[in-house]
Amino acid sequence: WPTWREATQHALYGPDGFYRRERPGDHFRTSVRASPLFARAVESVARHCGVGTVVDLGAGGGELLRELHRRAPELELTGVDLASRPDQLPGPIGWTDRLSDGLVDVLVIANEWLDDLPVDVVEIDETGTPCLVHVEPETGAPLRVAGADANAIPTTAERMLAFERLAPPLAREAAQQALQDA
């Protein structure tokens, strides 16, 4: 049986996975589609940080990029998604299936993408042993497999420290300012 991560990877991003054959906006209402306020906040963060390029990781149908282009056509915009480039995307907006290495002075937005990241699921059994969850391919029934390395499971403190490293003070300040401006 595949792990939860492997099953999710296949279901969402495999050859016939959901995000390869569907547009998320046809199924979900997200902040990008609900209001232009999100694009306004992203534009404000980009300006506050002094960047001229915005990359939308997991761009879906390109809704955020279209609104950003309408609001700030001088921004260099790129969508990153496994799905093909949306037909209605304005020509100046770039599109690719992978995030480039060496991005400098770029605002990367991953608004909905983090919700769809394949991850391992670990449960603690009755004896206190971490168990990696596997999935039965036909039914989706979970199966715990004992022996997951307990030392590999990050603590809440470790996750918070990682966030602090990923979200430098300038980014937090810019995000707070954008929320006040919106």
Protein backbone atom coordinates (compact mmCIF):
# COMPACT_ATOMS: atom_id res chain seq x y z
CA TRP A 1 0.00 0.00 0.00
CA PRO A 2 1.30 3.50 -0.73
CA THR A 3 1.94 6.02 2.01
CA TRP A 4 -0.49 8.91 2.43
CA ARG A 5 2.06 11.15 0.68
CA GLU A 6 2.39 8.78 -2.30
CA ALA A 7 -1.38 8.33 -2.62
CA THR A 8 -1.97 12.10 -2.48
CA GLN A 9 0.82 12.76 -4.99
CA HIS A 10 -0.74 10.30 -7.43
CA ALA A 11 -4.33 11.49 -6.91
CA LEU A 12 -3.53 15.19 -7.28
CA TYR A 13 -0.49 15.36 -9.56
CA GLY A 14 -0.16 11.94 -11.24
CA PRO A 15 -0.70 11.52 -15.02
CA ASP A 16 -4.50 11.71 -14.58
CA GLY A 17 -4.40 13.62 -11.29
CA PHE A 18 -6.99 16.20 -10.33
CA TYR A 19 -4.74 19.23 -10.87
CA ARG A 20 -3.60 18.02 -14.28
CA ARG A 21 -7.13 17.61 -15.64
CA GLU A 22 -9.21 20.16 -13.69
CA ARG A 23 -9.16 23.88 -12.93
CA PRO A 24 -9.50 24.43 -9.16
CA GLY A 25 -11.73 27.47 -9.70
CA ASP A 26 -14.34 25.18 -11.23
CA HIS A 27 -14.60 23.33 -7.91
CA PHE A 28 -13.50 25.64 -5.09
CA ARG A 29 -14.11 29.24 -4.12
CA THR A 30 -10.83 30.63 -2.85
CA SER A 31 -9.76 34.07 -1.64
CA VAL A 32 -8.35 34.81 -5.10
CA ARG A 33 -11.76 34.28 -6.70
CA ALA A 34 -13.85 35.75 -3.90
CA SER A 35 -12.60 39.31 -4.12
CA PRO A 36 -9.98 41.53 -5.74
CA LEU A 37 -8.81 42.45 -2.22
CA PHE A 38 -6.32 39.58 -2.17
CA ALA A 39 -4.66 40.82 -5.38
CA ARG A 40 -4.62 44.31 -3.88
CA ALA A 41 -2.85 42.99 -0.78
CA VAL A 42 -0.30 41.08 -2.90
CA GLU A 43 0.35 44.20 -4.97
CA SER A 44 0.84 46.20 -1.76
CA VAL A 45 3.33 43.66 -0.37
CA ALA A 46 5.28 43.67 -3.67
CA ARG A 47 5.48 47.46 -3.66
CA HIS A 48 6.38 47.63 0.03
CA CYS A 49 9.21 45.10 -0.50
CA GLY A 50 10.36 46.89 -3.65
CA VAL A 51 10.06 43.88 -5.93
CA GLY A 52 8.98 44.04 -9.56
CA THR A 53 8.28 40.35 -10.02
CA VAL A 54 5.51 38.21 -8.54
CA VAL A 55 5.42 34.43 -8.94
CA ASP A 56 2.18 32.59 -8.16
CA LEU A 57 3.05 29.03 -7.15
CA GLY A 58 0.07 26.77 -7.80
CA ALA A 59 -1.51 29.39 -10.03
CA GLY A 60 -4.49 27.25 -11.10
CA GLY A 61 -6.57 29.21 -13.59
CA GLY A 62 -4.42 32.32 -13.26
CA GLU A 63 -7.09 34.41 -11.52
CA LEU A 64 -4.63 36.15 -9.19
CA LEU A 65 -2.22 36.89 -12.04
CA ARG A 66 -4.98 38.33 -14.24
CA GLU A 67 -6.12 40.66 -11.45
CA LEU A 68 -2.54 41.70 -10.65
CA HIS A 69 -1.92 42.40 -14.34
CA ARG A 70 -5.08 44.53 -14.47
CA ARG A 71 -4.04 46.46 -11.35
CA ALA A 72 -0.28 46.72 -11.98
CA PRO A 73 0.68 45.91 -15.58
CA GLU A 74 4.27 47.00 -14.88
CA LEU A 75 4.81 43.97 -12.61
CA GLU A 76 6.51 40.95 -14.15
CA LEU A 77 4.15 38.08 -13.42
CA THR A 78 4.67 34.32 -13.69
CA GLY A 79 2.35 31.44 -12.91
CA VAL A 80 3.76 28.10 -11.83
CA ASP A 81 1.43 25.13 -12.19
CA LEU A 82 1.43 21.60 -13.56
CA ALA A 83 -1.74 22.39 -15.49
CA SER A 84 -1.40 23.97 -18.91
CA ARG A 85 -1.41 27.74 -19.36
CA PRO A 86 -4.98 29.10 -19.20
CA ASP A 87 -6.20 30.37 -22.58
CA GLN A 88 -7.54 33.64 -21.13
CA LEU A 89 -4.24 34.64 -19.50
CA PRO A 90 -2.87 37.93 -20.92
CA GLY A 91 0.22 37.48 -23.11
CA PRO A 92 2.76 39.29 -20.89
CA ILE A 93 2.15 36.85 -18.01
CA GLY A 94 4.67 34.02 -17.96
CA TRP A 95 3.74 30.39 -17.28
CA THR A 96 5.87 27.38 -16.35
CA ASP A 97 5.52 24.02 -14.65
CA ARG A 98 8.34 24.49 -12.11
CA LEU A 99 9.74 27.13 -9.82
CA SER A 100 13.09 28.44 -11.02
CA ASP A 101 16.23 28.25 -8.92
CA GLY A 102 18.01 31.40 -7.83
CA LEU A 103 15.03 33.73 -7.52
CA VAL A 104 16.16 37.11 -6.20
CA ASP A 105 14.00 40.13 -5.43
CA VAL A 106 10.85 38.16 -6.24
CA LEU A 107 7.65 37.83 -4.26
CA VAL A 108 6.53 34.19 -4.37
CA ILE A 109 2.89 33.60 -3.46
CA ALA A 110 1.69 30.09 -2.65
CA ASN A 111 -1.77 31.00 -1.43
CA GLU A 112 -3.65 27.76 -2.03
CA TRP A 113 -0.75 25.51 -2.97
CA LEU A 114 0.26 24.68 0.60
CA ASP A 115 -3.19 23.15 1.13
CA ASP A 116 -2.41 20.59 -1.55
CA LEU A 117 1.11 19.54 -0.66
CA PRO A 118 1.43 15.77 -0.34
CA VAL A 119 2.66 14.99 3.17
CA ASP A 120 3.24 11.91 5.26
CA VAL A 121 0.65 11.29 7.96
CA VAL A 122 1.92 9.87 11.23
CA GLU A 123 -0.34 8.66 14.01
CA ILE A 124 0.66 7.58 17.50
CA ASP A 125 -0.71 4.13 18.37
CA GLU A 126 -1.96 2.95 21.76
CA THR A 127 1.58 2.09 22.88
CA GLY A 128 2.94 5.52 21.98
CA THR A 129 4.71 4.29 18.83
CA PRO A 130 4.66 6.59 15.79
CA CYS A 131 3.01 4.86 12.82
CA LEU A 132 3.24 5.96 9.20
CA VAL A 133 -0.23 5.89 7.61
CA HIS A 134 -0.59 3.99 4.34
CA VAL A 135 -3.67 3.98 2.10
CA GLU A 136 -5.45 1.00 0.56
CA PRO A 137 -5.56 1.94 -3.16
CA GLU A 138 -9.05 0.64 -3.96
CA THR A 139 -10.99 1.92 -0.93
CA GLY A 140 -8.78 4.65 0.53
CA ALA A 141 -8.90 2.91 3.91
CA PRO A 142 -5.99 3.94 6.13
CA LEU A 143 -3.52 1.43 7.55
CA ARG A 144 -1.00 2.27 10.27
CA VAL A 145 2.48 0.88 9.78
CA ALA A 146 4.53 0.95 12.96
CA GLY A 147 8.13 1.99 13.00
CA ALA A 148 8.08 5.58 11.78
CA ASP A 149 11.11 7.29 13.31
CA ALA A 150 9.83 9.37 16.21
CA ASN A 151 12.88 11.62 15.92
CA ALA A 152 11.81 12.57 12.38
CA ILE A 153 8.51 14.07 13.56
CA PRO A 154 9.07 17.80 14.16
CA THR A 155 7.81 19.27 17.40
CA THR A 156 5.59 22.34 17.42
CA ALA A 157 8.58 24.40 18.59
CA GLU A 158 10.69 23.13 15.69
CA ARG A 159 7.92 24.01 13.22
CA MET A 160 7.65 27.51 14.70
CA LEU A 161 11.41 28.01 14.45
CA ALA A 162 11.29 26.91 10.81
CA PHE A 163 8.52 29.45 10.16
CA GLU A 164 10.60 32.20 11.75
CA ARG A 165 13.46 31.35 9.37
CA LEU A 166 11.11 31.28 6.38
CA ALA A 167 9.26 34.48 7.25
CA PRO A 168 11.89 37.17 7.85
CA PRO A 169 10.81 40.31 9.69
CA LEU A 170 10.56 42.39 6.49
CA ALA A 171 8.06 39.95 4.97
CA ARG A 172 5.97 39.88 8.14
CA GLU A 173 6.05 43.68 8.31
CA ALA A 174 5.03 43.96 4.65
CA ALA A 175 2.18 41.50 5.12
CA GLN A 176 0.90 43.41 8.15
CA GLN A 177 1.09 46.69 6.25
CA ALA A 178 -0.76 45.18 3.27
CA LEU A 179 -3.56 44.02 5.55
CA GLN A 180 -3.84 47.53 7.01
CA ASP A 181 -3.87 49.07 3.50
CA ALA A 182 -6.52 46.65 2.16
